[in-house]
Amino acid sequence: MHQRAVRVRQAGLIAGAAATALIAAGAITYAMAGDEGSSDAVPSAGSADAGFARDMAVHHQQAVEMSYVVRDRTDDEEVRRLAYDIAQTQANQRGMLLGWLDLWELPKVSADPPMTWMGMADAASGEDGALMPGMATNTEMRRLGSLSGERAEVFYLQLMTDHHKGGVHMAQACVRACEVGAEKRLARGMVEGQESEIALMAEMLEARGAAGRP
């Protein structure tokens, strides 16, 4: 019964994410015409808008990589569906963020440390590949690729829970500080979607006799 409830909830999340992706796909066409914040000014390279776009694109890329790794390491359909949904959603969002940077004619990389736009330039040292809070280290990525079955499922769910928590924190900062309406709406959608997935992953971990990492 518990597994059925998890599957039903997961199906709802996937459907919601698909709808969000369809809406988001059109958002880039009016990136500068949102009803929140500035409607016509192109953000500067050091703005929260540009910083969020650059940093979240990097953050999302690792989530996509983790998700495809675990799809090859387990036969569990629930985990595979969740991983596929996360990979597709975050790949689409990453494309939007990079597209906005192109639209604004701003660089996709910066000499400033990640999260400088949030006033958190020292939040992550970049040691062992973890460029921002919540990101997995290179060692953790290698370990994920070495596991299989339920051990891979549990480690992925733990890593992705931490990853989402870092992403939610960053998206919340954009909601507060970004000026482009479409980007603020995308960030708000990220918060809602990833918080729902965090709750779902907690249930999936519990079903496997595990919990999130402290």
N, C-alpha and C. Protein backbone atom coordinates (compact mmCIF):
# COMPACT_ATOMS: atom_id res chain seq x y z
N MET A 1 0.84 -1.20 0.00
CA MET A 1 0.00 0.00 0.00
C MET A 1 0.87 1.24 0.00
N HIS A 2 1.93 1.17 0.80
CA HIS A 2 2.84 2.32 0.86
C HIS A 2 3.49 2.56 -0.49
N GLN A 3 3.92 1.46 -1.14
CA GLN A 3 4.57 1.59 -2.44
C GLN A 3 3.61 2.19 -3.45
N ARG A 4 2.32 1.78 -3.39
CA ARG A 4 1.34 2.33 -4.33
C ARG A 4 1.18 3.83 -4.10
N ALA A 5 1.15 4.27 -2.83
CA ALA A 5 1.00 5.70 -2.53
C ALA A 5 2.18 6.49 -3.06
N VAL A 6 3.39 5.90 -2.92
CA VAL A 6 4.57 6.58 -3.43
C VAL A 6 4.50 6.70 -4.93
N ARG A 7 4.04 5.61 -5.61
CA ARG A 7 3.95 5.63 -7.07
C ARG A 7 2.94 6.67 -7.54
N VAL A 8 1.78 6.74 -6.85
CA VAL A 8 0.76 7.71 -7.23
C VAL A 8 1.27 9.12 -7.06
N ARG A 9 1.93 9.37 -5.93
CA ARG A 9 2.45 10.71 -5.70
C ARG A 9 3.53 11.06 -6.72
N GLN A 10 4.38 10.07 -7.04
CA GLN A 10 5.43 10.31 -8.01
C GLN A 10 4.85 10.62 -9.37
N ALA A 11 3.80 9.89 -9.76
CA ALA A 11 3.16 10.14 -11.06
C ALA A 11 2.63 11.56 -11.11
N GLY A 12 2.07 12.03 -9.99
CA GLY A 12 1.56 13.40 -9.96
C GLY A 12 2.68 14.41 -10.11
N LEU A 13 3.81 14.15 -9.48
CA LEU A 13 4.95 15.06 -9.59
C LEU A 13 5.47 15.11 -11.01
N ILE A 14 5.53 13.93 -11.66
CA ILE A 14 6.03 13.88 -13.03
C ILE A 14 5.10 14.64 -13.96
N ALA A 15 3.79 14.47 -13.77
CA ALA A 15 2.84 15.19 -14.60
C ALA A 15 2.96 16.69 -14.38
N GLY A 16 3.13 17.07 -13.09
CA GLY A 16 3.28 18.49 -12.79
C GLY A 16 4.54 19.06 -13.40
N ALA A 17 5.63 18.29 -13.33
CA ALA A 17 6.89 18.77 -13.90
C ALA A 17 6.78 18.91 -15.40
N ALA A 18 6.05 17.98 -16.03
CA ALA A 18 5.89 18.07 -17.48
C ALA A 18 5.14 19.33 -17.86
N ALA A 19 4.09 19.64 -17.08
CA ALA A 19 3.33 20.85 -17.37
C ALA A 19 4.18 22.08 -17.15
N THR A 20 4.99 22.06 -16.09
CA THR A 20 5.87 23.19 -15.82
C THR A 20 6.86 23.38 -16.96
N ALA A 21 7.39 22.26 -17.49
CA ALA A 21 8.35 22.35 -18.58
C ALA A 21 7.72 22.96 -19.82
N LEU A 22 6.44 22.61 -20.09
CA LEU A 22 5.78 23.16 -21.26
C LEU A 22 5.61 24.67 -21.12
N ILE A 23 5.24 25.11 -19.92
CA ILE A 23 5.10 26.54 -19.68
C ILE A 23 6.45 27.23 -19.77
N ALA A 24 7.46 26.59 -19.15
CA ALA A 24 8.80 27.20 -19.12
C ALA A 24 9.40 27.31 -20.50
N ALA A 25 9.07 26.35 -21.39
CA ALA A 25 9.66 26.36 -22.73
C ALA A 25 9.32 27.64 -23.47
N GLY A 26 8.14 28.22 -23.17
CA GLY A 26 7.77 29.46 -23.84
C GLY A 26 8.26 30.70 -23.11
N ALA A 27 8.70 30.53 -21.88
CA ALA A 27 9.05 31.69 -21.08
C ALA A 27 10.22 32.47 -21.65
N ILE A 28 11.16 31.76 -22.30
CA ILE A 28 12.35 32.44 -22.79
C ILE A 28 12.00 33.47 -23.86
N THR A 29 10.86 33.29 -24.54
CA THR A 29 10.48 34.22 -25.60
C THR A 29 10.05 35.57 -25.05
N TYR A 30 9.74 35.62 -23.74
CA TYR A 30 9.40 36.90 -23.16
C TYR A 30 10.18 37.11 -21.87
N ALA A 31 11.44 36.70 -21.89
CA ALA A 31 12.27 36.74 -20.68
C ALA A 31 12.37 38.13 -20.09
N MET A 32 12.24 39.15 -20.94
CA MET A 32 12.39 40.51 -20.45
C MET A 32 11.05 41.18 -20.20
N ALA A 33 9.96 40.44 -20.31
CA ALA A 33 8.65 41.09 -20.23
C ALA A 33 7.81 40.56 -19.08
N GLY A 34 8.43 40.15 -18.00
CA GLY A 34 7.68 39.62 -16.87
C GLY A 34 6.94 40.71 -16.14
N ASP A 35 5.99 40.29 -15.30
CA ASP A 35 5.20 41.27 -14.56
C ASP A 35 5.81 41.54 -13.19
N GLU A 36 7.00 41.01 -12.94
CA GLU A 36 7.70 41.27 -11.69
C GLU A 36 9.07 41.84 -12.03
N GLY A 37 9.53 42.77 -11.26
CA GLY A 37 10.86 43.32 -11.48
C GLY A 37 10.94 44.15 -12.74
N SER A 38 12.14 44.31 -13.24
CA SER A 38 12.38 45.14 -14.42
C SER A 38 11.82 44.47 -15.66
N SER A 39 11.21 45.26 -16.56
CA SER A 39 10.61 44.69 -17.75
C SER A 39 11.41 44.95 -19.01
N ASP A 40 12.43 45.80 -18.94
CA ASP A 40 13.14 46.13 -20.17
C ASP A 40 14.65 46.21 -20.04
N ALA A 41 15.18 46.33 -18.84
CA ALA A 41 16.63 46.47 -18.67
C ALA A 41 17.31 45.11 -18.74
N VAL A 42 18.39 45.03 -19.53
CA VAL A 42 19.18 43.80 -19.60
C VAL A 42 20.05 43.71 -18.34
N PRO A 43 20.05 42.57 -17.65
CA PRO A 43 20.85 42.45 -16.42
C PRO A 43 22.33 42.63 -16.71
N SER A 44 23.06 43.08 -15.72
CA SER A 44 24.51 43.20 -15.84
C SER A 44 25.16 41.86 -15.54
N ALA A 45 26.43 41.75 -15.90
CA ALA A 45 27.15 40.49 -15.68
C ALA A 45 27.25 40.14 -14.20
N GLY A 46 27.24 41.16 -13.34
CA GLY A 46 27.36 40.91 -11.91
C GLY A 46 26.04 40.88 -11.18
N SER A 47 24.94 40.88 -11.90
CA SER A 47 23.61 40.90 -11.29
C SER A 47 23.23 39.55 -10.71
N ALA A 48 22.20 39.58 -9.86
CA ALA A 48 21.67 38.32 -9.32
C ALA A 48 21.09 37.46 -10.44
N ASP A 49 20.48 38.10 -11.44
CA ASP A 49 19.90 37.36 -12.56
C ASP A 49 20.97 36.55 -13.29
N ALA A 50 22.07 37.21 -13.63
CA ALA A 50 23.15 36.54 -14.35
C ALA A 50 23.83 35.50 -13.46
N GLY A 51 24.07 35.85 -12.21
CA GLY A 51 24.73 34.92 -11.29
C GLY A 51 23.92 33.66 -11.07
N PHE A 52 22.61 33.83 -10.89
CA PHE A 52 21.74 32.67 -10.69
C PHE A 52 21.74 31.80 -11.94
N ALA A 53 21.63 32.42 -13.11
CA ALA A 53 21.61 31.65 -14.35
C ALA A 53 22.89 30.83 -14.51
N ARG A 54 24.04 31.45 -14.25
CA ARG A 54 25.31 30.73 -14.40
C ARG A 54 25.43 29.61 -13.37
N ASP A 55 25.19 29.93 -12.11
CA ASP A 55 25.41 28.95 -11.05
C ASP A 55 24.41 27.81 -11.09
N MET A 56 23.15 28.13 -11.35
CA MET A 56 22.15 27.06 -11.37
C MET A 56 22.34 26.15 -12.58
N ALA A 57 22.86 26.69 -13.68
CA ALA A 57 23.16 25.84 -14.84
C ALA A 57 24.20 24.79 -14.47
N VAL A 58 25.22 25.19 -13.72
CA VAL A 58 26.25 24.25 -13.26
C VAL A 58 25.65 23.25 -12.27
N HIS A 59 24.87 23.75 -11.34
CA HIS A 59 24.24 22.92 -10.33
C HIS A 59 23.34 21.86 -10.98
N HIS A 60 22.54 22.30 -11.94
CA HIS A 60 21.63 21.39 -12.63
C HIS A 60 22.39 20.32 -13.42
N GLN A 61 23.50 20.70 -14.02
CA GLN A 61 24.23 19.73 -14.83
C GLN A 61 24.65 18.52 -14.01
N GLN A 62 25.07 18.74 -12.77
CA GLN A 62 25.46 17.60 -11.96
C GLN A 62 24.25 16.72 -11.61
N ALA A 63 23.10 17.34 -11.37
CA ALA A 63 21.89 16.56 -11.08
C ALA A 63 21.54 15.67 -12.26
N VAL A 64 21.68 16.21 -13.47
CA VAL A 64 21.42 15.42 -14.67
C VAL A 64 22.38 14.23 -14.74
N GLU A 65 23.66 14.48 -14.48
CA GLU A 65 24.66 13.41 -14.52
C GLU A 65 24.36 12.33 -13.49
N MET A 66 24.06 12.75 -12.26
CA MET A 66 23.75 11.78 -11.20
C MET A 66 22.56 10.92 -11.57
N SER A 67 21.56 11.55 -12.15
CA SER A 67 20.32 10.85 -12.47
C SER A 67 20.55 9.79 -13.55
N TYR A 68 21.35 10.11 -14.55
CA TYR A 68 21.62 9.12 -15.59
C TYR A 68 22.53 8.01 -15.08
N VAL A 69 23.40 8.32 -14.13
CA VAL A 69 24.24 7.27 -13.53
C VAL A 69 23.37 6.25 -12.82
N VAL A 70 22.44 6.71 -11.98
CA VAL A 70 21.65 5.76 -11.20
C VAL A 70 20.69 4.97 -12.08
N ARG A 71 20.24 5.53 -13.19
CA ARG A 71 19.35 4.78 -14.09
C ARG A 71 20.05 3.54 -14.65
N ASP A 72 21.37 3.60 -14.74
CA ASP A 72 22.13 2.45 -15.24
C ASP A 72 22.56 1.50 -14.12
N ARG A 73 22.27 1.89 -12.86
CA ARG A 73 22.77 1.09 -11.74
C ARG A 73 21.65 0.37 -10.98
N THR A 74 20.39 0.55 -11.42
CA THR A 74 19.29 -0.10 -10.72
C THR A 74 18.20 -0.48 -11.72
N ASP A 75 17.41 -1.50 -11.34
CA ASP A 75 16.25 -1.90 -12.13
C ASP A 75 14.95 -1.42 -11.49
N ASP A 76 15.06 -0.72 -10.36
CA ASP A 76 13.86 -0.26 -9.65
C ASP A 76 13.16 0.82 -10.47
N GLU A 77 11.91 0.56 -10.85
CA GLU A 77 11.20 1.48 -11.75
C GLU A 77 10.89 2.81 -11.10
N GLU A 78 10.61 2.81 -9.79
CA GLU A 78 10.32 4.08 -9.11
C GLU A 78 11.52 5.02 -9.13
N VAL A 79 12.68 4.48 -8.82
CA VAL A 79 13.89 5.30 -8.81
C VAL A 79 14.25 5.72 -10.24
N ARG A 80 14.09 4.81 -11.18
CA ARG A 80 14.41 5.14 -12.57
C ARG A 80 13.48 6.23 -13.11
N ARG A 81 12.19 6.17 -12.76
CA ARG A 81 11.26 7.21 -13.22
C ARG A 81 11.59 8.56 -12.59
N LEU A 82 11.90 8.54 -11.29
CA LEU A 82 12.26 9.79 -10.62
C LEU A 82 13.53 10.37 -11.23
N ALA A 83 14.53 9.52 -11.44
CA ALA A 83 15.80 9.98 -12.01
C ALA A 83 15.59 10.56 -13.41
N TYR A 84 14.77 9.90 -14.21
CA TYR A 84 14.50 10.39 -15.56
C TYR A 84 13.79 11.74 -15.52
N ASP A 85 12.82 11.88 -14.63
CA ASP A 85 12.08 13.13 -14.50
C ASP A 85 12.99 14.27 -14.08
N ILE A 86 13.85 14.00 -13.08
CA ILE A 86 14.78 15.04 -12.62
C ILE A 86 15.73 15.42 -13.74
N ALA A 87 16.26 14.43 -14.46
CA ALA A 87 17.20 14.71 -15.54
C ALA A 87 16.56 15.56 -16.63
N GLN A 88 15.35 15.19 -17.03
CA GLN A 88 14.68 15.92 -18.11
C GLN A 88 14.30 17.33 -17.68
N THR A 89 13.74 17.46 -16.48
CA THR A 89 13.33 18.77 -15.99
C THR A 89 14.52 19.71 -15.86
N GLN A 90 15.58 19.21 -15.24
CA GLN A 90 16.72 20.09 -14.99
C GLN A 90 17.53 20.36 -16.25
N ALA A 91 17.54 19.43 -17.19
CA ALA A 91 18.20 19.71 -18.47
C ALA A 91 17.45 20.81 -19.22
N ASN A 92 16.11 20.76 -19.20
CA ASN A 92 15.32 21.80 -19.85
C ASN A 92 15.53 23.15 -19.19
N GLN A 93 15.52 23.17 -17.86
CA GLN A 93 15.72 24.43 -17.14
C GLN A 93 17.12 24.98 -17.39
N ARG A 94 18.10 24.08 -17.44
CA ARG A 94 19.47 24.51 -17.71
C ARG A 94 19.56 25.17 -19.09
N GLY A 95 18.87 24.61 -20.06
CA GLY A 95 18.86 25.20 -21.39
C GLY A 95 18.26 26.59 -21.38
N MET A 96 17.22 26.79 -20.59
CA MET A 96 16.61 28.12 -20.47
C MET A 96 17.58 29.12 -19.85
N LEU A 97 18.24 28.70 -18.78
CA LEU A 97 19.18 29.61 -18.09
C LEU A 97 20.31 30.03 -19.01
N LEU A 98 20.88 29.06 -19.74
CA LEU A 98 21.96 29.39 -20.67
C LEU A 98 21.42 30.23 -21.83
N GLY A 99 20.18 29.96 -22.23
CA GLY A 99 19.58 30.74 -23.30
C GLY A 99 19.39 32.19 -22.91
N TRP A 100 19.01 32.41 -21.65
CA TRP A 100 18.88 33.79 -21.19
C TRP A 100 20.23 34.51 -21.21
N LEU A 101 21.28 33.82 -20.80
CA LEU A 101 22.60 34.44 -20.84
C LEU A 101 22.97 34.83 -22.28
N ASP A 102 22.64 33.96 -23.23
CA ASP A 102 22.86 34.30 -24.64
C ASP A 102 22.04 35.51 -25.04
N LEU A 103 20.77 35.52 -24.64
CA LEU A 103 19.88 36.62 -24.97
C LEU A 103 20.42 37.95 -24.43
N TRP A 104 20.97 37.88 -23.22
CA TRP A 104 21.50 39.08 -22.58
C TRP A 104 22.92 39.42 -23.04
N GLU A 105 23.50 38.52 -23.87
CA GLU A 105 24.88 38.68 -24.34
C GLU A 105 25.86 38.78 -23.16
N LEU A 106 25.66 37.87 -22.20
CA LEU A 106 26.51 37.82 -21.02
C LEU A 106 27.29 36.51 -21.01
N PRO A 107 28.49 36.50 -20.41
CA PRO A 107 29.30 35.28 -20.38
C PRO A 107 28.66 34.19 -19.54
N LYS A 108 28.90 32.95 -19.92
CA LYS A 108 28.35 31.80 -19.19
C LYS A 108 29.26 31.38 -18.03
N VAL A 109 30.44 31.94 -17.97
CA VAL A 109 31.35 31.69 -16.84
C VAL A 109 31.80 33.03 -16.29
N SER A 110 32.21 33.02 -15.05
CA SER A 110 32.64 34.25 -14.39
C SER A 110 33.90 34.00 -13.60
N ALA A 111 34.71 35.04 -13.49
CA ALA A 111 35.92 34.94 -12.67
C ALA A 111 35.58 34.95 -11.18
N ASP A 112 34.38 35.42 -10.84
CA ASP A 112 33.97 35.45 -9.44
C ASP A 112 33.64 34.05 -8.94
N PRO A 113 33.86 33.77 -7.68
CA PRO A 113 33.50 32.46 -7.13
C PRO A 113 31.99 32.24 -7.23
N PRO A 114 31.55 30.98 -7.29
CA PRO A 114 30.11 30.70 -7.30
C PRO A 114 29.42 31.34 -6.10
N MET A 115 28.18 31.77 -6.32
CA MET A 115 27.31 32.31 -5.29
C MET A 115 27.74 33.68 -4.78
N THR A 116 28.65 34.33 -5.51
CA THR A 116 29.03 35.69 -5.14
C THR A 116 27.81 36.61 -5.16
N TRP A 117 26.94 36.41 -6.13
CA TRP A 117 25.72 37.23 -6.25
C TRP A 117 24.81 37.09 -5.05
N MET A 118 24.98 36.01 -4.26
CA MET A 118 24.20 35.79 -3.05
C MET A 118 24.92 36.28 -1.80
N GLY A 119 26.14 36.79 -1.98
CA GLY A 119 26.94 37.17 -0.82
C GLY A 119 27.50 35.95 -0.10
N MET A 120 27.64 34.83 -0.85
CA MET A 120 28.11 33.58 -0.25
C MET A 120 29.29 33.03 -1.03
N ALA A 121 30.21 33.88 -1.41
CA ALA A 121 31.34 33.44 -2.23
C ALA A 121 32.20 32.40 -1.54
N ASP A 122 32.18 32.37 -0.22
CA ASP A 122 33.02 31.43 0.53
C ASP A 122 32.23 30.22 1.03
N ALA A 123 30.99 30.05 0.51
CA ALA A 123 30.14 28.96 1.01
C ALA A 123 30.68 27.59 0.63
N ALA A 124 31.37 27.51 -0.50
CA ALA A 124 31.94 26.22 -0.93
C ALA A 124 33.35 26.45 -1.44
N SER A 125 34.24 25.59 -1.07
CA SER A 125 35.64 25.76 -1.44
C SER A 125 35.95 25.21 -2.82
N GLY A 126 35.07 24.38 -3.35
CA GLY A 126 35.36 23.73 -4.62
C GLY A 126 36.23 22.50 -4.44
N GLU A 127 36.52 22.15 -3.19
CA GLU A 127 37.36 20.99 -2.92
C GLU A 127 36.70 19.72 -3.41
N ASP A 128 37.44 18.91 -4.13
CA ASP A 128 36.97 17.63 -4.66
C ASP A 128 35.74 17.81 -5.55
N GLY A 129 35.66 18.94 -6.23
CA GLY A 129 34.63 19.14 -7.23
C GLY A 129 33.31 19.68 -6.74
N ALA A 130 33.12 19.85 -5.45
CA ALA A 130 31.85 20.37 -4.92
C ALA A 130 31.89 21.89 -4.97
N LEU A 131 31.40 22.46 -6.07
CA LEU A 131 31.54 23.90 -6.28
C LEU A 131 30.56 24.74 -5.47
N MET A 132 29.43 24.14 -5.10
CA MET A 132 28.40 24.86 -4.35
C MET A 132 27.78 23.94 -3.31
N PRO A 133 27.18 24.51 -2.24
CA PRO A 133 26.54 23.67 -1.23
C PRO A 133 25.52 22.73 -1.84
N GLY A 134 25.51 21.50 -1.38
CA GLY A 134 24.59 20.49 -1.89
C GLY A 134 25.16 19.67 -3.02
N MET A 135 26.16 20.18 -3.72
CA MET A 135 26.73 19.42 -4.82
C MET A 135 27.57 18.25 -4.31
N ALA A 136 27.51 17.14 -5.03
CA ALA A 136 28.30 15.97 -4.67
C ALA A 136 29.77 16.20 -5.02
N THR A 137 30.64 15.58 -4.28
CA THR A 137 32.07 15.66 -4.59
C THR A 137 32.40 14.66 -5.70
N ASN A 138 33.58 14.81 -6.26
CA ASN A 138 34.02 13.84 -7.28
C ASN A 138 34.08 12.43 -6.70
N THR A 139 34.51 12.33 -5.44
CA THR A 139 34.59 11.02 -4.78
C THR A 139 33.20 10.41 -4.65
N GLU A 140 32.22 11.22 -4.29
CA GLU A 140 30.85 10.71 -4.16
C GLU A 140 30.28 10.30 -5.51
N MET A 141 30.60 11.05 -6.55
CA MET A 141 30.13 10.68 -7.88
C MET A 141 30.73 9.34 -8.32
N ARG A 142 32.01 9.14 -8.03
CA ARG A 142 32.64 7.85 -8.37
C ARG A 142 32.02 6.72 -7.57
N ARG A 143 31.72 6.98 -6.31
CA ARG A 143 31.10 5.93 -5.48
C ARG A 143 29.72 5.58 -6.03
N LEU A 144 28.94 6.57 -6.42
CA LEU A 144 27.62 6.30 -6.98
C LEU A 144 27.74 5.38 -8.20
N GLY A 145 28.73 5.65 -9.03
CA GLY A 145 28.93 4.84 -10.22
C GLY A 145 29.43 3.43 -9.94
N SER A 146 29.90 3.19 -8.71
CA SER A 146 30.41 1.87 -8.36
C SER A 146 29.37 0.99 -7.67
N LEU A 147 28.24 1.59 -7.26
CA LEU A 147 27.21 0.84 -6.55
C LEU A 147 26.17 0.31 -7.51
N SER A 148 25.35 -0.59 -7.02
CA SER A 148 24.26 -1.12 -7.83
C SER A 148 23.10 -1.51 -6.91
N GLY A 149 21.94 -1.71 -7.53
CA GLY A 149 20.78 -2.15 -6.77
C GLY A 149 20.35 -1.14 -5.71
N GLU A 150 19.89 -1.67 -4.58
CA GLU A 150 19.35 -0.81 -3.53
C GLU A 150 20.41 0.12 -2.95
N ARG A 151 21.66 -0.30 -2.90
CA ARG A 151 22.71 0.57 -2.38
C ARG A 151 22.87 1.80 -3.26
N ALA A 152 22.78 1.62 -4.57
CA ALA A 152 22.85 2.76 -5.49
C ALA A 152 21.62 3.65 -5.31
N GLU A 153 20.45 3.04 -5.15
CA GLU A 153 19.21 3.80 -4.98
C GLU A 153 19.30 4.70 -3.75
N VAL A 154 19.71 4.11 -2.62
CA VAL A 154 19.78 4.86 -1.37
C VAL A 154 20.79 6.00 -1.48
N PHE A 155 21.96 5.71 -2.02
CA PHE A 155 22.99 6.75 -2.10
C PHE A 155 22.54 7.87 -3.04
N TYR A 156 21.92 7.51 -4.14
CA TYR A 156 21.40 8.53 -5.06
C TYR A 156 20.36 9.40 -4.37
N LEU A 157 19.42 8.79 -3.68
CA LEU A 157 18.37 9.55 -3.01
C LEU A 157 18.96 10.47 -1.95
N GLN A 158 20.00 10.01 -1.26
CA GLN A 158 20.66 10.85 -0.26
C GLN A 158 21.39 12.02 -0.93
N LEU A 159 22.14 11.71 -1.98
CA LEU A 159 22.87 12.76 -2.70
C LEU A 159 21.91 13.78 -3.29
N MET A 160 20.83 13.30 -3.92
CA MET A 160 19.91 14.20 -4.59
C MET A 160 19.12 15.03 -3.58
N THR A 161 18.84 14.47 -2.43
CA THR A 161 18.18 15.27 -1.38
C THR A 161 19.05 16.45 -0.99
N ASP A 162 20.33 16.20 -0.75
CA ASP A 162 21.25 17.29 -0.42
C ASP A 162 21.36 18.28 -1.58
N HIS A 163 21.41 17.74 -2.80
CA HIS A 163 21.53 18.57 -3.99
C HIS A 163 20.32 19.50 -4.11
N HIS A 164 19.13 18.95 -3.93
CA HIS A 164 17.91 19.75 -4.00
C HIS A 164 17.88 20.82 -2.92
N LYS A 165 18.32 20.48 -1.72
CA LYS A 165 18.32 21.47 -0.64
C LYS A 165 19.20 22.66 -1.01
N GLY A 166 20.37 22.38 -1.59
CA GLY A 166 21.23 23.47 -2.05
C GLY A 166 20.58 24.26 -3.17
N GLY A 167 19.91 23.56 -4.08
CA GLY A 167 19.24 24.23 -5.18
C GLY A 167 18.09 25.10 -4.71
N VAL A 168 17.31 24.61 -3.75
CA VAL A 168 16.20 25.39 -3.20
C VAL A 168 16.71 26.67 -2.56
N HIS A 169 17.79 26.58 -1.82
CA HIS A 169 18.36 27.76 -1.18
C HIS A 169 18.76 28.81 -2.22
N MET A 170 19.37 28.35 -3.30
CA MET A 170 19.80 29.26 -4.35
C MET A 170 18.59 29.88 -5.07
N ALA A 171 17.59 29.04 -5.37
CA ALA A 171 16.40 29.54 -6.06
C ALA A 171 15.64 30.54 -5.21
N GLN A 172 15.57 30.29 -3.91
CA GLN A 172 14.92 31.25 -3.02
C GLN A 172 15.62 32.59 -3.05
N ALA A 173 16.95 32.57 -3.16
CA ALA A 173 17.70 33.82 -3.24
C ALA A 173 17.37 34.57 -4.52
N CYS A 174 17.16 33.84 -5.62
CA CYS A 174 16.78 34.48 -6.88
C CYS A 174 15.38 35.08 -6.77
N VAL A 175 14.47 34.38 -6.14
CA VAL A 175 13.12 34.91 -5.96
C VAL A 175 13.18 36.26 -5.25
N ARG A 176 14.08 36.37 -4.29
CA ARG A 176 14.21 37.63 -3.55
C ARG A 176 14.95 38.70 -4.34
N ALA A 177 15.99 38.31 -5.11
CA ALA A 177 16.91 39.31 -5.64
C ALA A 177 16.88 39.48 -7.16
N CYS A 178 16.41 38.50 -7.91
CA CYS A 178 16.41 38.63 -9.36
C CYS A 178 15.41 39.69 -9.81
N GLU A 179 15.66 40.29 -10.95
CA GLU A 179 14.81 41.37 -11.47
C GLU A 179 13.94 40.94 -12.65
N VAL A 180 14.39 39.96 -13.41
CA VAL A 180 13.64 39.53 -14.59
C VAL A 180 12.47 38.65 -14.15
N GLY A 181 11.27 39.05 -14.54
CA GLY A 181 10.07 38.36 -14.07
C GLY A 181 10.04 36.89 -14.41
N ALA A 182 10.38 36.53 -15.65
CA ALA A 182 10.34 35.12 -16.06
C ALA A 182 11.33 34.29 -15.26
N GLU A 183 12.48 34.86 -14.95
CA GLU A 183 13.48 34.12 -14.18
C GLU A 183 13.01 33.94 -12.75
N LYS A 184 12.40 34.96 -12.17
CA LYS A 184 11.87 34.84 -10.81
C LYS A 184 10.80 33.75 -10.76
N ARG A 185 9.95 33.70 -11.78
CA ARG A 185 8.90 32.67 -11.80
C ARG A 185 9.52 31.28 -11.94
N LEU A 186 10.53 31.16 -12.80
CA LEU A 186 11.20 29.87 -12.92
C LEU A 186 11.81 29.45 -11.59
N ALA A 187 12.46 30.39 -10.89
CA ALA A 187 13.07 30.09 -9.59
C ALA A 187 12.02 29.66 -8.58
N ARG A 188 10.87 30.33 -8.60
CA ARG A 188 9.80 29.95 -7.68
C ARG A 188 9.30 28.54 -7.99
N GLY A 189 9.20 28.21 -9.26
CA GLY A 189 8.79 26.87 -9.64
C GLY A 189 9.81 25.82 -9.21
N MET A 190 11.10 26.18 -9.28
CA MET A 190 12.14 25.26 -8.82
C MET A 190 11.98 24.98 -7.34
N VAL A 191 11.71 26.02 -6.56
CA VAL A 191 11.54 25.83 -5.11
C VAL A 191 10.40 24.86 -4.85
N GLU A 192 9.27 25.10 -5.47
CA GLU A 192 8.10 24.26 -5.23
C GLU A 192 8.34 22.83 -5.70
N GLY A 193 8.89 22.67 -6.90
CA GLY A 193 9.12 21.34 -7.43
C GLY A 193 10.13 20.54 -6.64
N GLN A 194 11.24 21.19 -6.27
CA GLN A 194 12.28 20.45 -5.57
C GLN A 194 11.91 20.16 -4.13
N GLU A 195 11.14 21.04 -3.49
CA GLU A 195 10.68 20.73 -2.14
C GLU A 195 9.74 19.53 -2.16
N SER A 196 8.90 19.42 -3.19
CA SER A 196 8.03 18.26 -3.32
C SER A 196 8.85 16.99 -3.52
N GLU A 197 9.90 17.08 -4.34
CA GLU A 197 10.74 15.92 -4.58
C GLU A 197 11.54 15.54 -3.35
N ILE A 198 11.94 16.50 -2.54
CA ILE A 198 12.63 16.19 -1.29
C ILE A 198 11.73 15.36 -0.39
N ALA A 199 10.45 15.74 -0.29
CA ALA A 199 9.50 14.98 0.53
C ALA A 199 9.31 13.58 -0.04
N LEU A 200 9.20 13.47 -1.36
CA LEU A 200 9.05 12.17 -1.99
C LEU A 200 10.26 11.29 -1.74
N MET A 201 11.46 11.86 -1.86
CA MET A 201 12.67 11.07 -1.66
C MET A 201 12.81 10.62 -0.22
N ALA A 202 12.31 11.41 0.73
CA ALA A 202 12.32 10.98 2.14
C ALA A 202 11.46 9.73 2.30
N GLU A 203 10.31 9.69 1.62
CA GLU A 203 9.45 8.51 1.68
C GLU A 203 10.12 7.31 1.03
N MET A 204 10.79 7.55 -0.08
CA MET A 204 11.47 6.45 -0.78
C MET A 204 12.62 5.91 0.04
N LEU A 205 13.34 6.78 0.73
CA LEU A 205 14.42 6.32 1.62
C LEU A 205 13.84 5.51 2.77
N GLU A 206 12.76 6.00 3.36
CA GLU A 206 12.14 5.28 4.48
C GLU A 206 11.69 3.89 4.05
N ALA A 207 11.16 3.78 2.83
CA ALA A 207 10.72 2.47 2.32
C ALA A 207 11.88 1.51 2.16
N ARG A 208 13.08 2.06 2.08
CA ARG A 208 14.29 1.23 1.94
C ARG A 208 15.06 1.12 3.25
N GLY A 209 14.43 1.53 4.34
CA GLY A 209 15.05 1.42 5.64
C GLY A 209 16.21 2.37 5.85
N ALA A 210 16.18 3.51 5.15
CA ALA A 210 17.28 4.48 5.22
C ALA A 210 16.71 5.86 5.48
N ALA A 211 17.60 6.82 5.61
CA ALA A 211 17.20 8.21 5.83
C ALA A 211 18.20 9.12 5.14
N GLY A 212 17.87 10.39 5.09
CA GLY A 212 18.78 11.37 4.52
C GLY A 212 20.03 11.50 5.38
N ARG A 213 21.08 12.05 4.78
CA ARG A 213 22.32 12.22 5.52
C ARG A 213 22.20 13.40 6.48
N PRO A 214 22.84 13.31 7.66
CA PRO A 214 22.76 14.41 8.62
C PRO A 214 23.46 15.66 8.08
